[in-house]
C-alpha cells in the first residue's frame, strides 16, 4: 500500500510524458497534417501574405518532415508485414 503511494506520482508523470510524445509525433509525422500545412503555406504565398524567402524556408522544412513521415510510415509497414510472416 505504501509502495503505491510513492510510485503513483511517478506513474502519472510517465503517462503524461507518453501522451506528450504521442501528440508531438502526431504533429511531426502526420502526413495529412503536413499536407494541409503545405497547402496553407502555398495559399499564403499566392495571396502575397508572406514573402518568397519565408515561403521557401517553411516549404523546405515541411517537405523534409513529409519525407521523414513517409519513411517512418514505410518502416512501420515493413515491420507489420514482417511480423505477419
N, C-alpha and C. Protein backbone atom coordinates (compact mmCIF):
# COMPACT_ATOMS: atom_id res chain seq x y z
N UNK A 1 0.83 -1.20 0.00
CA UNK A 1 0.00 0.00 0.00
C UNK A 1 0.87 1.26 0.00
N UNK A 2 1.86 1.32 0.85
CA UNK A 2 2.74 2.48 0.91
C UNK A 2 3.52 2.61 -0.39
N UNK A 3 3.88 1.48 -0.95
CA UNK A 3 4.61 1.46 -2.22
C UNK A 3 3.80 2.19 -3.31
N UNK A 4 2.50 1.96 -3.33
CA UNK A 4 1.64 2.62 -4.32
C UNK A 4 1.60 4.13 -4.12
N UNK A 5 1.64 4.56 -2.87
CA UNK A 5 1.62 6.00 -2.59
C UNK A 5 2.85 6.70 -3.16
N UNK A 6 3.98 6.01 -3.14
CA UNK A 6 5.22 6.62 -3.63
C UNK A 6 5.38 6.49 -5.14
N UNK A 7 4.85 5.42 -5.72
CA UNK A 7 5.03 5.21 -7.16
C UNK A 7 3.93 5.85 -8.00
N UNK A 8 2.80 6.14 -7.42
CA UNK A 8 1.67 6.71 -8.19
C UNK A 8 2.06 8.03 -8.88
N UNK A 9 2.71 8.97 -8.19
CA UNK A 9 3.09 10.20 -8.90
C UNK A 9 4.05 9.95 -10.07
N UNK A 10 4.96 8.99 -9.90
CA UNK A 10 5.89 8.68 -10.99
C UNK A 10 5.15 8.07 -12.18
N UNK A 11 4.21 7.18 -11.89
CA UNK A 11 3.44 6.57 -12.97
C UNK A 11 2.65 7.63 -13.73
N UNK A 12 2.11 8.59 -13.01
CA UNK A 12 1.37 9.67 -13.64
C UNK A 12 2.28 10.50 -14.54
N UNK A 13 3.47 10.79 -14.07
CA UNK A 13 4.44 11.55 -14.87
C UNK A 13 4.78 10.79 -16.15
N UNK A 14 4.99 9.47 -16.04
CA UNK A 14 5.29 8.66 -17.22
C UNK A 14 4.14 8.67 -18.21
N UNK A 15 2.91 8.57 -17.71
CA UNK A 15 1.74 8.57 -18.60
C UNK A 15 1.59 9.91 -19.31
N UNK A 16 1.80 10.99 -18.58
CA UNK A 16 1.74 12.32 -19.19
C UNK A 16 2.83 12.47 -20.24
N UNK A 17 4.02 11.99 -19.93
CA UNK A 17 5.13 12.03 -20.88
C UNK A 17 4.82 11.25 -22.15
N UNK A 18 4.20 10.09 -22.01
CA UNK A 18 3.81 9.29 -23.18
C UNK A 18 2.80 10.05 -24.04
N UNK A 19 1.84 10.70 -23.40
CA UNK A 19 0.83 11.45 -24.15
C UNK A 19 1.45 12.63 -24.89
N UNK A 20 2.38 13.32 -24.24
CA UNK A 20 3.07 14.44 -24.88
C UNK A 20 3.85 13.94 -26.08
N UNK A 21 4.53 12.82 -25.94
CA UNK A 21 5.30 12.24 -27.05
C UNK A 21 4.37 11.85 -28.20
N UNK A 22 3.24 11.23 -27.88
CA UNK A 22 2.28 10.85 -28.92
C UNK A 22 1.79 12.08 -29.69
N UNK A 23 1.48 13.15 -28.97
CA UNK A 23 0.99 14.37 -29.61
C UNK A 23 2.09 15.01 -30.46
N UNK A 24 3.31 15.01 -29.95
CA UNK A 24 4.43 15.57 -30.72
C UNK A 24 4.67 14.75 -31.98
N UNK A 25 4.62 13.43 -31.86
CA UNK A 25 4.78 12.57 -33.04
C UNK A 25 3.67 12.82 -34.05
N UNK A 26 2.46 13.00 -33.56
CA UNK A 26 1.33 13.25 -34.45
C UNK A 26 1.56 14.58 -35.20
N UNK A 27 2.03 15.58 -34.49
CA UNK A 27 2.28 16.88 -35.11
C UNK A 27 3.42 16.79 -36.14
N UNK A 28 4.46 16.06 -35.79
CA UNK A 28 5.63 15.99 -36.67
C UNK A 28 5.47 15.01 -37.82
N UNK A 29 4.77 13.90 -37.61
CA UNK A 29 4.76 12.82 -38.58
C UNK A 29 3.41 12.53 -39.22
N UNK A 30 2.38 13.28 -38.90
CA UNK A 30 1.08 13.05 -39.51
C UNK A 30 1.09 13.62 -40.93
N UNK A 31 1.02 12.73 -41.91
CA UNK A 31 1.16 13.13 -43.31
C UNK A 31 0.05 14.09 -43.73
N UNK A 32 -1.18 13.82 -43.34
CA UNK A 32 -2.26 14.72 -43.76
C UNK A 32 -2.11 16.10 -43.13
N UNK A 33 -1.61 16.16 -41.90
CA UNK A 33 -1.36 17.44 -41.24
C UNK A 33 -0.29 18.23 -42.00
N UNK A 34 0.77 17.54 -42.40
CA UNK A 34 1.85 18.20 -43.15
C UNK A 34 1.33 18.69 -44.49
N UNK A 35 0.52 17.88 -45.16
CA UNK A 35 -0.04 18.28 -46.45
C UNK A 35 -0.92 19.52 -46.30
N UNK A 36 -1.72 19.55 -45.26
CA UNK A 36 -2.57 20.72 -45.02
C UNK A 36 -1.73 21.97 -44.79
N UNK A 37 -0.65 21.82 -44.05
CA UNK A 37 0.22 22.97 -43.80
C UNK A 37 0.89 23.44 -45.08
N UNK A 38 1.25 22.51 -45.96
CA UNK A 38 1.84 22.89 -47.24
C UNK A 38 0.84 23.67 -48.10
N UNK A 39 -0.39 23.20 -48.13
CA UNK A 39 -1.43 23.89 -48.91
C UNK A 39 -1.67 25.28 -48.34
N UNK A 40 -1.77 25.37 -47.02
CA UNK A 40 -1.99 26.66 -46.37
C UNK A 40 -0.84 27.62 -46.66
N UNK A 41 0.37 27.11 -46.57
CA UNK A 41 1.55 27.92 -46.85
C UNK A 41 1.53 28.43 -48.29
N UNK A 42 1.18 27.56 -49.21
CA UNK A 42 1.12 27.97 -50.61
C UNK A 42 0.05 29.04 -50.83
N UNK A 43 -1.07 28.88 -50.17
CA UNK A 43 -2.13 29.89 -50.29
C UNK A 43 -1.65 31.24 -49.76
N UNK A 44 -0.97 31.24 -48.63
CA UNK A 44 -0.45 32.49 -48.07
C UNK A 44 0.51 33.16 -49.04
N UNK A 45 1.34 32.35 -49.66
CA UNK A 45 2.32 32.90 -50.61
C UNK A 45 1.61 33.45 -51.85
N UNK A 46 0.67 32.71 -52.39
CA UNK A 46 -0.03 33.15 -53.59
C UNK A 46 -0.86 34.41 -53.35
N UNK A 47 -1.29 34.61 -52.13
CA UNK A 47 -2.05 35.81 -51.78
C UNK A 47 -1.14 36.95 -51.34
N UNK A 48 0.16 36.75 -51.50
CA UNK A 48 1.17 37.75 -51.11
C UNK A 48 1.11 38.13 -49.63
N UNK A 49 0.76 37.16 -48.81
CA UNK A 49 0.71 37.42 -47.37
C UNK A 49 2.03 37.08 -46.68
N UNK A 50 2.90 36.34 -47.36
CA UNK A 50 4.23 36.06 -46.84
C UNK A 50 5.24 36.25 -47.97
N UNK A 51 6.46 36.66 -47.65
CA UNK A 51 7.47 36.85 -48.70
C UNK A 51 7.99 35.50 -49.21
N UNK A 52 8.56 35.54 -50.41
CA UNK A 52 9.02 34.30 -51.04
C UNK A 52 10.08 33.59 -50.21
N UNK A 53 10.99 34.35 -49.62
CA UNK A 53 12.05 33.73 -48.82
C UNK A 53 11.47 32.91 -47.67
N UNK A 54 10.52 33.48 -46.95
CA UNK A 54 9.88 32.77 -45.85
C UNK A 54 9.13 31.56 -46.37
N UNK A 55 8.45 31.73 -47.49
CA UNK A 55 7.72 30.62 -48.11
C UNK A 55 8.67 29.47 -48.41
N UNK A 56 9.79 29.76 -49.06
CA UNK A 56 10.76 28.72 -49.44
C UNK A 56 11.33 28.01 -48.20
N UNK A 57 11.64 28.78 -47.16
CA UNK A 57 12.19 28.19 -45.93
C UNK A 57 11.19 27.24 -45.27
N UNK A 58 9.95 27.71 -45.14
CA UNK A 58 8.94 26.88 -44.48
C UNK A 58 8.56 25.69 -45.35
N UNK A 59 8.53 25.90 -46.65
CA UNK A 59 8.21 24.79 -47.56
C UNK A 59 9.28 23.70 -47.44
N UNK A 60 10.54 24.11 -47.41
CA UNK A 60 11.62 23.14 -47.30
C UNK A 60 11.51 22.34 -46.00
N UNK A 61 11.22 23.05 -44.90
CA UNK A 61 11.07 22.38 -43.61
C UNK A 61 9.93 21.37 -43.65
N UNK A 62 8.79 21.77 -44.23
CA UNK A 62 7.64 20.87 -44.31
C UNK A 62 7.92 19.68 -45.22
N UNK A 63 8.64 19.91 -46.31
CA UNK A 63 8.96 18.80 -47.21
C UNK A 63 9.92 17.81 -46.56
N UNK A 64 10.83 18.30 -45.75
CA UNK A 64 11.73 17.41 -45.00
C UNK A 64 10.91 16.57 -44.01
N UNK A 65 9.98 17.22 -43.32
CA UNK A 65 9.11 16.50 -42.38
C UNK A 65 8.25 15.48 -43.11
N UNK A 66 7.75 15.86 -44.31
CA UNK A 66 6.93 14.95 -45.10
C UNK A 66 7.74 13.71 -45.49
N UNK A 67 8.95 13.94 -45.95
CA UNK A 67 9.81 12.83 -46.35
C UNK A 67 10.10 11.91 -45.16
N UNK A 68 10.37 12.49 -44.00
CA UNK A 68 10.63 11.70 -42.79
C UNK A 68 9.38 10.91 -42.39
N UNK A 69 8.21 11.53 -42.52
CA UNK A 69 6.97 10.86 -42.17
C UNK A 69 6.69 9.70 -43.11
N UNK A 70 6.95 9.89 -44.41
CA UNK A 70 6.75 8.80 -45.37
C UNK A 70 7.72 7.66 -45.10
N UNK A 71 8.95 7.99 -44.77
CA UNK A 71 9.94 6.97 -44.46
C UNK A 71 9.51 6.18 -43.22
N UNK A 72 9.06 6.91 -42.21
CA UNK A 72 8.61 6.26 -40.98
C UNK A 72 7.40 5.37 -41.26
N UNK A 73 6.48 5.84 -42.09
CA UNK A 73 5.31 5.06 -42.45
C UNK A 73 5.72 3.76 -43.16
N UNK A 74 6.68 3.85 -44.07
CA UNK A 74 7.16 2.67 -44.78
C UNK A 74 7.84 1.69 -43.83
N UNK A 75 8.61 2.19 -42.88
CA UNK A 75 9.27 1.33 -41.91
C UNK A 75 8.23 0.61 -41.04
N UNK A 76 7.19 1.33 -40.64
CA UNK A 76 6.14 0.71 -39.84
C UNK A 76 5.42 -0.37 -40.66
N UNK A 77 5.18 -0.08 -41.92
CA UNK A 77 4.53 -1.05 -42.81
C UNK A 77 5.41 -2.30 -42.96
N UNK A 78 6.70 -2.11 -43.18
CA UNK A 78 7.63 -3.23 -43.30
C UNK A 78 7.64 -4.07 -42.03
N UNK A 79 7.66 -3.41 -40.88
CA UNK A 79 7.65 -4.14 -39.60
C UNK A 79 6.37 -4.94 -39.43
N UNK A 80 5.25 -4.37 -39.82
CA UNK A 80 3.97 -5.08 -39.71
C UNK A 80 3.95 -6.31 -40.62
N UNK A 81 4.43 -6.15 -41.83
CA UNK A 81 4.40 -7.28 -42.77
C UNK A 81 5.38 -8.37 -42.35
N UNK A 82 6.50 -8.00 -41.75
CA UNK A 82 7.47 -8.99 -41.28
C UNK A 82 6.90 -9.78 -40.12
N UNK A 83 6.13 -9.13 -39.26
CA UNK A 83 5.54 -9.82 -38.11
C UNK A 83 4.48 -10.81 -38.54
N UNK A 84 3.81 -10.56 -39.64
CA UNK A 84 2.74 -11.43 -40.10
C UNK A 84 3.26 -12.69 -40.78
N UNK A 85 4.52 -12.68 -41.16
CA UNK A 85 5.10 -13.84 -41.85
C UNK A 85 5.47 -14.94 -40.91
